[in-house]
Amino acid sequence: MKLRRRTRADGAGQRHDPCVAELIRALGADRVRADNAARHLASADASMFIDGAAGPVCFPDSTEHVQAIMGVAARHDRAVLPRGAGTGLSGGAAPLGDPIVVSTTRMNRVLEVDVEDRVAWVQPGVVNLDLTKQVASSGLHFAPDPSSQQVCTIGGNVANNSGGPHCLAYGVTSAHVLAVEVVLSSGEAVVLGGLEAEPSGYDLRGAFVGSEGMFGVTTKIAVRLTPDPESVKTLLLAFDAVSDAAATVGAVIASGSVPAAIEMMDKRCVAAVEDFAHAGYPRDAAAVLLIEVDGPRRGVEAETDKVAEIGRAHGGTVRVAADEQERALLWKGRKSAFGAVARVAPDYYLHDTVVPRSKLVEVLEAVYEIVDRYDLTAVNVFHAGDGNLHPLMAYDSREPGVNERVAAAGREILEVSLAVGGVLSGEHGIGVEKRDFMEYQFTSADLEQQALLRRSFDPHCRLNPGKVLPSAHSCADIASLSAFKADGVWG
């Protein structure tokens, strides 16, 4: 939510900072920016929670550059924040405490593609969709597909273990990362994981993926490429009741089918999407499902018929995209949903809890009750197949008192989700947004084990301090880094 603190405007101290001078000597003047404009642009990510305070912003283009930055940071006792495209929604890439910002946007090369083994080595600044475009002629693609895939980077996907609509069948980012080259806070470059079928030792790659920039700076990534399916069918199912749509989701999975994607949008979301994308969604439906099945042609035909039959049995009407153009338009509508909400209100706050599929209707009803009680407008668009909810509260931050209402409603939605056995985040990460709610989900012993793992990678507490772990278990002095509070109000 747009509860922002202004970045300090005075950049004179930065220009004369001996740390900045050493960074320039190590990297060159064209790779270091300490002016107000650069620091302001690096002061926030796409979340609505925080404008931080960025120190000098560095633009390395090699592993050696990142190692040099870590050496300078160590000598000047400065924190370091790895940053990709800044599309994260949890405040994970918002700088706390004037850290050196390591922007990986110039590390944007696809280094090697092995079509036979279906592996690509890429730098962290490669845009998600650009990789798929580059290997498309080989009949391959990179399966993780966040809604921001046109702009988010693979390094950011690794940091947050990002998902997307098709993670139901294909899995989240961790299922598609074989190895990562990482620069630790000591400046040492190490490779976690490997291309072998069973890399030896502990799965440090698995521990690193999803660590939100706290364990090291990613400099190279070996990703698994997925063959394009022989056939794809996309179905649009419309229902007169949200409960019927949710029941259909459960019935499809219970039937033994695992579609590539199952997405749900409620009536308010459909209206916003239609105004924006003109995708052909039925405006009179209480909820719609976008279900995609893929695989061998004969199997896809059978699965399509099965899904359509289940949908009709639950009172839905079914439309199957007639061709690739119609299919692309239906997906354009779904992936434009967040942007389309700007037609409802100028600001929005998006949640990211995951609940059991059996609890979808119960939690959705609770969400509607909560937002109505706080006199807010909410639209729901989410990955229904794996229960990853994205209730989106649209509001105008200029309205007196609305920020506090949005924060309170968001807190209650988290509590409801956890009460039914859900978790805090499916793909957006914890960052700053949910940091102080970690104690709602984990015991003190759980959090201390997470803190021990964090310190085993970064004993200096230099990398992205003040994120994910609440103050009692963080190696950083969070109070000195941020005045952000769990209720979303700046102190």
Protein backbone atom coordinates (compact mmCIF):
# COMPACT_ATOMS: atom_id res chain seq x y z
CA MET A 1 0.00 0.00 0.00
CA LYS A 2 1.23 3.47 -0.63
CA LEU A 3 2.44 4.25 2.85
CA ARG A 4 5.73 5.78 1.84
CA ARG A 5 8.59 7.56 3.51
CA ARG A 6 10.58 9.99 1.40
CA THR A 7 14.13 9.10 0.46
CA ARG A 8 16.59 11.65 1.78
CA ALA A 9 17.16 14.28 -0.88
CA ASP A 10 20.68 15.35 0.01
CA GLY A 11 23.20 13.44 -2.13
CA ALA A 12 26.22 15.58 -1.35
CA GLY A 13 27.42 13.26 1.40
CA GLN A 14 27.17 10.33 -0.96
CA ARG A 15 29.32 12.02 -3.61
CA HIS A 16 32.16 12.53 -1.09
CA ASP A 17 31.76 9.15 0.60
CA PRO A 18 35.11 7.26 0.56
CA CYS A 19 33.11 4.07 -0.06
CA VAL A 20 31.75 5.57 -3.28
CA ALA A 21 35.21 6.65 -4.33
CA GLU A 22 36.55 3.13 -3.85
CA LEU A 23 33.63 1.62 -5.75
CA ILE A 24 34.38 3.94 -8.67
CA ARG A 25 38.03 2.91 -8.64
CA ALA A 26 37.05 -0.76 -8.59
CA LEU A 27 34.27 -0.69 -11.20
CA GLY A 28 34.69 2.49 -13.22
CA ALA A 29 32.64 5.67 -13.05
CA ASP A 30 30.08 4.38 -15.55
CA ARG A 31 29.08 1.54 -13.21
CA VAL A 32 28.55 3.52 -10.01
CA ARG A 33 25.84 6.09 -9.37
CA ALA A 34 25.46 8.02 -6.12
CA ASP A 35 23.29 10.91 -7.34
CA ASN A 36 19.83 11.59 -6.00
CA ALA A 37 18.04 10.33 -9.13
CA ALA A 38 19.72 6.91 -9.12
CA ARG A 39 19.26 6.48 -5.39
CA HIS A 40 15.61 7.49 -5.60
CA LEU A 41 14.90 4.99 -8.38
CA ALA A 42 16.48 2.24 -6.26
CA SER A 43 14.62 3.24 -3.10
CA ALA A 44 11.58 0.99 -3.58
CA ASP A 45 10.33 -2.08 -5.36
CA ALA A 46 6.81 -2.62 -6.72
CA SER A 47 5.34 -3.14 -3.26
CA MET A 48 3.12 -0.55 -1.67
CA PHE A 49 4.81 -0.59 1.70
CA ILE A 50 8.03 1.33 1.74
CA ASP A 51 10.37 3.83 0.20
CA GLY A 52 13.74 2.96 1.63
CA ALA A 53 17.02 4.78 1.64
CA ALA A 54 19.49 3.59 -0.99
CA GLY A 55 23.20 4.15 -0.82
CA PRO A 56 25.36 4.11 -3.96
CA VAL A 57 23.91 2.07 -6.82
CA CYS A 58 26.31 -0.23 -8.68
CA PHE A 59 25.79 -1.79 -12.09
CA PRO A 60 28.19 -4.74 -12.40
CA ASP A 61 28.34 -6.83 -15.53
CA SER A 62 30.48 -9.72 -14.29
CA THR A 63 31.10 -11.98 -11.31
CA GLU A 64 34.40 -10.21 -10.72
CA HIS A 65 32.63 -6.87 -10.42
CA VAL A 66 30.28 -8.28 -7.77
CA GLN A 67 33.25 -9.70 -5.87
CA ALA A 68 34.90 -6.27 -5.96
CA ILE A 69 31.73 -4.68 -4.57
CA MET A 70 31.64 -7.15 -1.69
CA GLY A 71 35.27 -6.35 -0.90
CA VAL A 72 34.54 -2.64 -0.74
CA ALA A 73 31.46 -3.28 1.39
CA ALA A 74 33.52 -5.31 3.84
CA ARG A 75 36.22 -2.65 4.17
CA HIS A 76 33.65 0.08 4.77
CA ASP A 77 31.26 -2.06 6.84
CA ARG A 78 28.34 -1.42 4.48
CA ALA A 79 25.30 -3.57 3.87
CA VAL A 80 24.59 -4.82 0.35
CA LEU A 81 21.21 -5.15 -1.38
CA PRO A 82 20.98 -7.30 -4.53
CA ARG A 83 18.33 -5.91 -6.90
CA GLY A 84 16.86 -7.10 -10.18
CA ALA A 85 14.05 -5.34 -12.03
CA GLY A 86 12.39 -4.18 -8.81
CA THR A 87 9.07 -5.87 -9.62
CA GLY A 88 8.82 -7.63 -6.24
CA LEU A 89 5.65 -7.07 -4.22
CA SER A 90 6.82 -7.64 -0.64
CA GLY A 91 9.44 -4.92 -0.11
CA GLY A 92 12.28 -7.42 -0.49
CA ALA A 93 14.20 -5.15 -2.86
CA ALA A 94 13.50 -1.95 -0.93
CA PRO A 95 16.77 -0.81 0.72
CA LEU A 96 16.94 -0.38 4.48
CA GLY A 97 19.77 1.56 6.08
CA ASP A 98 21.60 3.04 3.05
CA PRO A 99 23.07 -0.21 1.67
CA ILE A 100 25.16 -0.47 -1.45
CA VAL A 101 22.63 -1.49 -4.10
CA VAL A 102 23.86 -4.10 -6.56
CA SER A 103 21.66 -3.76 -9.63
CA THR A 104 21.99 -6.77 -11.92
CA THR A 105 20.25 -5.15 -14.89
CA ARG A 106 23.48 -5.06 -16.95
CA MET A 107 24.14 -8.73 -16.24
CA ASN A 108 21.60 -9.61 -18.90
CA ARG A 109 23.28 -12.13 -21.19
CA VAL A 110 22.22 -15.66 -22.05
CA LEU A 111 25.65 -17.25 -21.75
CA GLU A 112 25.04 -20.72 -23.16
CA VAL A 113 22.15 -22.85 -24.39
CA ASP A 114 22.45 -26.63 -24.58
CA VAL A 115 19.43 -27.72 -26.63
CA GLU A 116 20.21 -31.41 -26.32
CA ASP A 117 20.39 -31.38 -22.53
CA ARG A 118 17.78 -28.60 -22.27
CA VAL A 119 19.89 -26.36 -20.06
CA ALA A 120 20.73 -22.67 -20.33
CA TRP A 121 23.31 -20.70 -18.34
CA VAL A 122 22.10 -17.13 -17.89
CA GLN A 123 23.07 -14.03 -15.96
CA PRO A 124 20.60 -12.87 -13.30
CA GLY A 125 19.46 -9.78 -15.21
CA VAL A 126 17.98 -11.78 -18.12
CA VAL A 127 14.26 -10.98 -18.38
CA ASN A 128 12.09 -14.05 -17.85
CA LEU A 129 10.16 -13.85 -21.13
CA ASP A 130 13.24 -12.91 -23.14
CA LEU A 131 14.79 -16.30 -22.38
CA THR A 132 11.72 -18.09 -23.71
CA LYS A 133 11.77 -15.94 -26.83
CA GLN A 134 15.44 -16.69 -27.40
CA VAL A 135 14.99 -20.48 -27.27
CA ALA A 136 11.57 -20.61 -28.95
CA SER A 137 12.99 -21.76 -32.28
CA SER A 138 14.31 -24.88 -30.52
CA GLY A 139 10.86 -25.83 -29.26
CA LEU A 140 11.76 -25.01 -25.67
CA HIS A 141 10.69 -22.48 -23.05
CA PHE A 142 11.37 -21.40 -19.45
CA ALA A 143 8.34 -22.67 -17.55
CA PRO A 144 7.99 -20.26 -14.56
CA ASP A 145 5.68 -17.50 -15.83
CA PRO A 146 4.87 -14.80 -13.25
CA SER A 147 2.37 -12.17 -14.36
CA SER A 148 5.32 -9.77 -14.57
CA GLN A 149 7.31 -12.10 -16.85
CA GLN A 150 7.68 -9.41 -19.51
CA VAL A 151 9.81 -7.37 -17.11
CA CYS A 152 10.90 -9.49 -14.13
CA THR A 153 14.36 -11.04 -14.18
CA ILE A 154 15.43 -14.61 -13.62
CA GLY A 155 17.64 -13.50 -10.73
CA GLY A 156 14.56 -12.05 -9.07
CA ASN A 157 12.65 -15.26 -9.79
CA VAL A 158 15.42 -17.17 -7.99
CA ALA A 159 15.35 -14.76 -5.04
CA ASN A 160 11.61 -15.17 -4.49
CA ASN A 161 11.12 -18.71 -5.85
CA SER A 162 8.53 -17.22 -8.18
CA GLY A 163 5.64 -19.18 -9.63
CA GLY A 164 2.95 -18.13 -12.05
CA PRO A 165 -0.22 -19.64 -13.51
CA HIS A 166 1.51 -22.70 -14.92
CA CYS A 167 3.28 -23.70 -11.71
CA LEU A 168 0.37 -26.04 -10.92
CA ALA A 169 1.75 -28.62 -13.37
CA TYR A 170 5.31 -27.42 -13.89
CA GLY A 171 6.33 -26.24 -10.43
CA VAL A 172 7.83 -22.98 -9.18
CA THR A 173 11.29 -21.64 -9.95
CA SER A 174 13.14 -24.08 -7.68
CA ALA A 175 12.05 -26.94 -9.93
CA HIS A 176 13.78 -25.28 -12.89
CA VAL A 177 17.10 -24.18 -11.36
CA LEU A 178 19.91 -26.71 -11.55
CA ALA A 179 22.79 -24.59 -10.26
CA VAL A 180 23.58 -21.05 -9.21
CA GLU A 181 26.87 -19.20 -9.05
CA VAL A 182 26.78 -16.99 -5.97
CA VAL A 183 29.07 -14.34 -4.50
CA LEU A 184 28.96 -14.59 -0.72
CA SER A 185 29.39 -11.70 1.70
CA SER A 186 33.04 -12.76 2.07
CA GLY A 187 33.56 -12.05 -1.64
CA GLU A 188 34.02 -15.74 -2.45
CA ALA A 189 32.27 -17.03 -5.58
CA VAL A 190 30.78 -20.51 -5.20
CA VAL A 191 28.55 -22.76 -7.31
CA LEU A 192 25.59 -24.35 -5.53
CA GLY A 193 24.06 -27.40 -7.15
CA GLY A 194 25.20 -28.80 -10.47
CA LEU A 195 24.16 -30.31 -13.78
CA GLU A 196 24.56 -33.88 -12.55
CA ALA A 197 21.42 -35.92 -11.99
CA GLU A 198 22.29 -36.19 -8.27
CA PRO A 199 24.78 -33.50 -7.16
CA SER A 200 26.75 -34.60 -4.11
CA GLY A 201 26.39 -33.05 -0.67
CA TYR A 202 23.60 -31.03 0.85
CA ASP A 203 21.10 -29.29 -1.42
CA LEU A 204 22.47 -25.79 -0.90
CA ARG A 205 20.94 -24.77 -4.23
CA GLY A 206 17.53 -25.59 -2.79
CA ALA A 207 18.29 -23.56 0.33
CA PHE A 208 19.43 -20.59 -1.74
CA VAL A 209 16.43 -20.39 -4.09
CA GLY A 210 13.86 -18.23 -2.31
CA SER A 211 16.34 -16.66 0.12
CA GLU A 212 15.38 -13.12 -0.96
CA GLY A 213 18.92 -11.78 -1.37
CA MET A 214 20.01 -12.61 2.20
CA PHE A 215 22.41 -15.46 1.37
CA GLY A 216 24.45 -14.06 -1.52
CA VAL A 217 24.38 -12.24 -4.86
CA THR A 218 23.43 -14.47 -7.79
CA THR A 219 25.79 -14.03 -10.75
CA LYS A 220 25.01 -17.02 -13.01
CA ILE A 221 22.11 -19.47 -13.14
CA ALA A 222 21.77 -22.84 -14.87
CA VAL A 223 18.07 -23.23 -15.67
CA ARG A 224 16.16 -26.21 -16.97
CA LEU A 225 14.36 -25.61 -20.28
CA THR A 226 11.02 -27.31 -20.88
CA PRO A 227 9.89 -28.75 -24.24
CA ASP A 228 6.86 -27.03 -25.74
CA PRO A 229 3.79 -29.28 -25.49
CA GLU A 230 2.46 -30.92 -28.62
CA SER A 231 -1.01 -29.56 -27.99
CA VAL A 232 -2.62 -26.90 -25.78
CA LYS A 233 -6.28 -26.22 -25.05
CA THR A 234 -7.57 -23.29 -23.00
CA LEU A 235 -11.06 -23.32 -21.50
CA LEU A 236 -13.06 -20.42 -20.08
CA LEU A 237 -15.69 -21.56 -17.60
CA ALA A 238 -18.29 -19.11 -16.21
CA PHE A 239 -20.36 -19.61 -13.03
CA ASP A 240 -23.26 -17.91 -11.29
CA ALA A 241 -21.67 -18.49 -7.87
CA VAL A 242 -18.10 -18.29 -6.62
CA SER A 243 -18.70 -21.46 -4.61
CA ASP A 244 -19.51 -23.40 -7.81
CA ALA A 245 -16.27 -22.23 -9.41
CA ALA A 246 -14.27 -23.23 -6.33
CA ALA A 247 -16.02 -26.61 -6.17
CA THR A 248 -15.11 -27.19 -9.82
CA VAL A 249 -11.42 -26.61 -9.01
CA GLY A 250 -11.51 -29.29 -6.34
CA ALA A 251 -13.44 -31.70 -8.54
CA VAL A 252 -11.00 -31.34 -11.43
CA ILE A 253 -8.02 -32.14 -9.20
CA ALA A 254 -9.92 -34.97 -7.47
CA SER A 255 -10.62 -36.54 -10.88
CA GLY A 256 -6.91 -37.18 -11.30
CA SER A 257 -6.36 -34.37 -13.80
CA VAL A 258 -3.53 -31.92 -13.25
CA PRO A 259 -4.09 -29.08 -15.73
CA ALA A 260 -1.20 -26.83 -16.66
CA ALA A 261 -3.08 -23.92 -15.05
CA ILE A 262 -6.29 -23.17 -13.16
CA GLU A 263 -6.92 -19.46 -12.63
CA MET A 264 -9.97 -17.84 -11.02
CA MET A 265 -11.35 -14.31 -11.26
CA ASP A 266 -14.41 -12.93 -9.53
CA LYS A 267 -17.05 -10.62 -11.00
CA ARG A 268 -15.31 -7.37 -10.05
CA CYS A 269 -12.05 -8.57 -11.56
CA VAL A 270 -13.76 -9.69 -14.77
CA ALA A 271 -15.33 -6.26 -15.19
CA ALA A 272 -11.97 -4.51 -14.73
CA VAL A 273 -10.23 -6.89 -17.13
CA GLU A 274 -12.89 -6.50 -19.81
CA ASP A 275 -12.72 -2.71 -19.62
CA PHE A 276 -8.96 -2.93 -20.05
CA ALA A 277 -8.18 -5.88 -22.33
CA HIS A 278 -11.51 -6.74 -24.03
CA ALA A 279 -10.63 -10.42 -23.66
CA GLY A 280 -14.18 -11.72 -24.10
CA TYR A 281 -14.89 -12.66 -20.47
CA PRO A 282 -18.63 -12.84 -19.55
CA ARG A 283 -19.44 -9.78 -17.45
CA ASP A 284 -22.52 -11.36 -15.89
CA ALA A 285 -20.60 -14.27 -14.32
CA ALA A 286 -20.00 -14.30 -10.56
CA ALA A 287 -16.69 -16.03 -11.23
CA VAL A 288 -14.74 -17.44 -14.16
CA LEU A 289 -12.08 -20.13 -14.37
CA LEU A 290 -9.33 -20.13 -16.97
CA ILE A 291 -8.15 -23.73 -17.25
CA GLU A 292 -5.40 -24.86 -19.57
CA VAL A 293 -4.45 -28.43 -20.40
CA ASP A 294 -1.45 -29.43 -22.47
CA GLY A 295 0.50 -32.48 -23.57
CA PRO A 296 0.13 -35.10 -26.32
CA ARG A 297 -2.71 -34.20 -28.67
CA ARG A 298 -4.94 -37.22 -28.01
CA GLY A 299 -4.55 -36.87 -24.24
CA VAL A 300 -5.31 -33.16 -24.38
CA GLU A 301 -8.57 -33.77 -26.23
CA ALA A 302 -9.66 -36.27 -23.58
CA GLU A 303 -8.64 -33.98 -20.70
CA THR A 304 -10.44 -31.03 -22.27
CA ASP A 305 -13.65 -33.05 -22.52
CA LYS A 306 -13.28 -34.20 -18.90
CA VAL A 307 -12.74 -30.68 -17.54
CA ALA A 308 -15.66 -29.34 -19.58
CA GLU A 309 -17.92 -32.10 -18.25
CA ILE A 310 -16.94 -31.38 -14.65
CA GLY A 311 -17.51 -27.66 -15.16
CA ARG A 312 -20.99 -28.19 -16.60
CA ALA A 313 -21.84 -30.61 -13.78
CA HIS A 314 -21.18 -27.74 -11.36
CA GLY A 315 -23.43 -25.32 -13.21
CA GLY A 316 -20.82 -23.67 -15.41
CA THR A 317 -20.89 -22.70 -19.04
CA VAL A 318 -17.82 -23.72 -21.03
CA ARG A 319 -15.99 -22.14 -23.95
CA VAL A 320 -12.87 -23.60 -25.51
CA ALA A 321 -10.54 -21.17 -27.28
CA ALA A 322 -10.93 -21.87 -31.00
CA ASP A 323 -7.40 -20.92 -32.01
CA GLU A 324 -4.10 -19.50 -30.77
CA GLN A 325 -5.31 -15.92 -31.20
CA GLU A 326 -8.30 -16.45 -28.93
CA ARG A 327 -6.16 -18.35 -26.43
CA ALA A 328 -3.61 -15.52 -26.33
CA LEU A 329 -6.40 -12.98 -25.77
CA LEU A 330 -7.80 -14.95 -22.82
CA TRP A 331 -4.34 -15.06 -21.23
CA LYS A 332 -3.78 -11.39 -21.98
CA GLY A 333 -6.84 -10.66 -19.88
CA ARG A 334 -5.61 -12.76 -16.96
CA LYS A 335 -2.09 -11.34 -17.01
CA SER A 336 -3.40 -7.78 -17.32
CA ALA A 337 -5.57 -8.10 -14.23
CA PHE A 338 -3.35 -6.19 -11.83
CA GLY A 339 -2.85 -3.30 -14.24
CA ALA A 340 -6.56 -3.25 -15.06
CA VAL A 341 -7.41 -2.47 -11.42
CA ALA A 342 -6.18 1.08 -12.06
CA ARG A 343 -9.59 1.57 -13.66
CA VAL A 344 -11.19 0.80 -10.31
CA ALA A 345 -8.97 2.97 -8.09
CA PRO A 346 -5.51 4.59 -8.34
CA ASP A 347 -3.89 2.42 -5.64
CA TYR A 348 -4.03 -1.23 -4.67
CA TYR A 349 -2.66 -3.65 -2.11
CA LEU A 350 -2.19 -7.25 -3.23
CA HIS A 351 -2.00 -10.22 -0.85
CA ASP A 352 -0.31 -13.57 -1.50
CA THR A 353 -1.45 -16.18 1.00
CA VAL A 354 -1.92 -19.87 0.18
CA VAL A 355 -4.79 -21.91 1.61
CA PRO A 356 -5.92 -25.53 1.15
CA ARG A 357 -8.16 -25.89 -1.91
CA SER A 358 -10.88 -27.28 0.35
CA LYS A 359 -10.93 -23.93 2.18
CA LEU A 360 -11.14 -21.65 -0.87
CA VAL A 361 -14.83 -20.82 -0.52
CA GLU A 362 -14.57 -20.28 3.25
CA VAL A 363 -11.60 -17.92 2.90
CA LEU A 364 -13.08 -16.02 -0.07
CA GLU A 365 -16.29 -15.42 1.89
CA ALA A 366 -14.20 -14.16 4.81
CA VAL A 367 -12.24 -11.85 2.48
CA TYR A 368 -15.47 -10.32 1.15
CA GLU A 369 -16.75 -9.84 4.71
CA ILE A 370 -13.50 -8.21 5.85
CA VAL A 371 -13.23 -5.73 2.98
CA ASP A 372 -16.93 -4.83 3.23
CA ARG A 373 -16.57 -4.21 6.96
CA TYR A 374 -13.67 -1.84 6.30
CA ASP A 375 -15.61 -0.14 3.48
CA LEU A 376 -13.07 -1.18 0.84
CA THR A 377 -13.29 -2.56 -2.69
CA ALA A 378 -11.64 -5.89 -3.43
CA VAL A 379 -11.21 -7.95 -6.56
CA ASN A 380 -9.99 -11.52 -6.50
CA VAL A 381 -7.71 -13.07 -9.10
CA PHE A 382 -5.60 -16.04 -8.11
CA HIS A 383 -3.97 -19.38 -8.86
CA ALA A 384 -6.93 -21.49 -7.78
CA GLY A 385 -5.28 -24.80 -8.63
CA ASP A 386 -2.77 -24.54 -5.79
CA GLY A 387 -4.81 -22.27 -3.51
CA ASN A 388 -2.56 -19.23 -3.97
CA LEU A 389 -4.89 -16.31 -3.23
CA HIS A 390 -4.35 -12.80 -4.54
CA PRO A 391 -7.11 -10.66 -2.97
CA LEU A 392 -6.48 -7.19 -4.30
CA MET A 393 -7.82 -4.19 -2.40
CA ALA A 394 -8.29 -1.14 -4.61
CA TYR A 395 -8.37 2.26 -2.93
CA ASP A 396 -7.41 5.93 -3.18
CA SER A 397 -4.60 6.76 -0.77
CA ARG A 398 -5.66 10.43 -0.77
CA GLU A 399 -8.80 9.50 1.17
CA PRO A 400 -8.32 10.27 4.89
CA GLY A 401 -7.88 7.15 7.00
CA VAL A 402 -7.94 4.69 4.12
CA ASN A 403 -4.32 3.57 4.56
CA GLU A 404 -5.05 2.42 8.10
CA ARG A 405 -8.22 0.57 6.97
CA VAL A 406 -6.33 -1.21 4.19
CA ALA A 407 -3.56 -2.26 6.60
CA ALA A 408 -6.07 -3.56 9.14
CA ALA A 409 -8.00 -5.50 6.50
CA GLY A 410 -4.78 -6.98 5.16
CA ARG A 411 -3.79 -8.15 8.62
CA GLU A 412 -7.17 -9.88 9.10
CA ILE A 413 -6.88 -11.62 5.71
CA LEU A 414 -3.50 -13.01 6.79
CA GLU A 415 -4.97 -14.22 10.08
CA VAL A 416 -7.91 -15.93 8.35
CA SER A 417 -5.60 -17.65 5.87
CA LEU A 418 -3.29 -18.96 8.58
CA ALA A 419 -6.23 -20.08 10.74
CA VAL A 420 -7.36 -22.59 8.07
CA GLY A 421 -3.89 -24.07 7.68
CA GLY A 422 -2.56 -21.65 5.08
CA VAL A 423 0.82 -19.97 4.75
CA LEU A 424 1.99 -16.38 4.44
CA SER A 425 3.23 -16.39 0.86
CA GLY A 426 3.09 -18.51 -2.26
CA GLU A 427 5.42 -16.63 -4.58
CA HIS A 428 5.82 -12.96 -3.62
CA GLY A 429 8.13 -13.57 -0.68
CA ILE A 430 8.17 -12.19 2.85
CA GLY A 431 10.44 -9.15 2.50
CA VAL A 432 9.32 -6.33 4.76
CA GLU A 433 5.61 -6.76 4.15
CA LYS A 434 5.15 -10.01 6.07
CA ARG A 435 8.33 -9.97 8.17
CA ASP A 436 6.57 -9.21 11.42
CA PHE A 437 3.88 -11.82 10.71
CA MET A 438 6.42 -14.67 10.55
CA GLU A 439 5.81 -15.31 14.26
CA TYR A 440 2.15 -16.01 13.43
CA GLN A 441 3.18 -19.01 11.31
CA PHE A 442 6.45 -20.23 12.86
CA THR A 443 7.52 -21.04 16.39
CA SER A 444 10.50 -19.33 17.99
CA ALA A 445 12.54 -22.50 17.44
CA ASP A 446 11.56 -22.57 13.76
CA LEU A 447 12.66 -18.97 13.29
CA GLU A 448 15.93 -19.51 15.10
CA GLN A 449 16.77 -22.40 12.77
CA GLN A 450 16.06 -20.13 9.81
CA ALA A 451 18.30 -17.48 11.35
CA LEU A 452 21.11 -20.03 11.79
CA LEU A 453 20.85 -20.99 8.12
CA ARG A 454 20.94 -17.33 7.13
CA ARG A 455 24.05 -16.73 9.23
CA SER A 456 25.76 -19.81 7.81
CA PHE A 457 25.66 -18.16 4.38
CA ASP A 458 26.26 -14.60 5.60
CA PRO A 459 27.84 -14.49 9.07
CA HIS A 460 28.53 -10.79 8.55
CA CYS A 461 24.80 -9.97 8.23
CA ARG A 462 25.75 -7.82 5.28
CA LEU A 463 23.26 -8.99 2.67
CA ASN A 464 19.79 -7.44 2.61
CA PRO A 465 19.55 -6.95 6.38
CA GLY A 466 16.19 -6.35 8.05
CA LYS A 467 14.20 -8.63 5.74
CA VAL A 468 12.14 -11.79 6.28
CA LEU A 469 13.09 -12.58 9.89
CA PRO A 470 11.50 -10.53 12.70
CA SER A 471 13.77 -8.56 15.00
CA ALA A 472 14.08 -11.21 17.71
CA HIS A 473 15.64 -13.59 15.19
CA SER A 474 17.37 -11.20 12.83
CA CYS A 475 21.11 -10.57 12.92
CA ALA A 476 20.40 -6.95 11.98
CA ASP A 477 19.23 -4.15 14.20
CA ILE A 478 15.92 -3.71 12.45
CA ALA A 479 14.93 -0.75 14.58
CA SER A 480 17.88 1.21 13.26
CA LEU A 481 17.08 0.28 9.67
CA SER A 482 13.37 0.90 9.43
CA ALA A 483 10.52 2.47 11.34
CA PHE A 484 8.05 0.24 9.52
CA LYS A 485 5.53 -1.49 11.75
CA ALA A 486 3.35 -4.52 11.23
CA ASP A 487 0.21 -2.41 11.01
CA GLY A 488 1.57 -0.69 7.91
CA VAL A 489 2.01 2.72 9.56
CA TRP A 490 5.32 4.56 9.73
CA GLY A 491 6.53 5.51 13.14
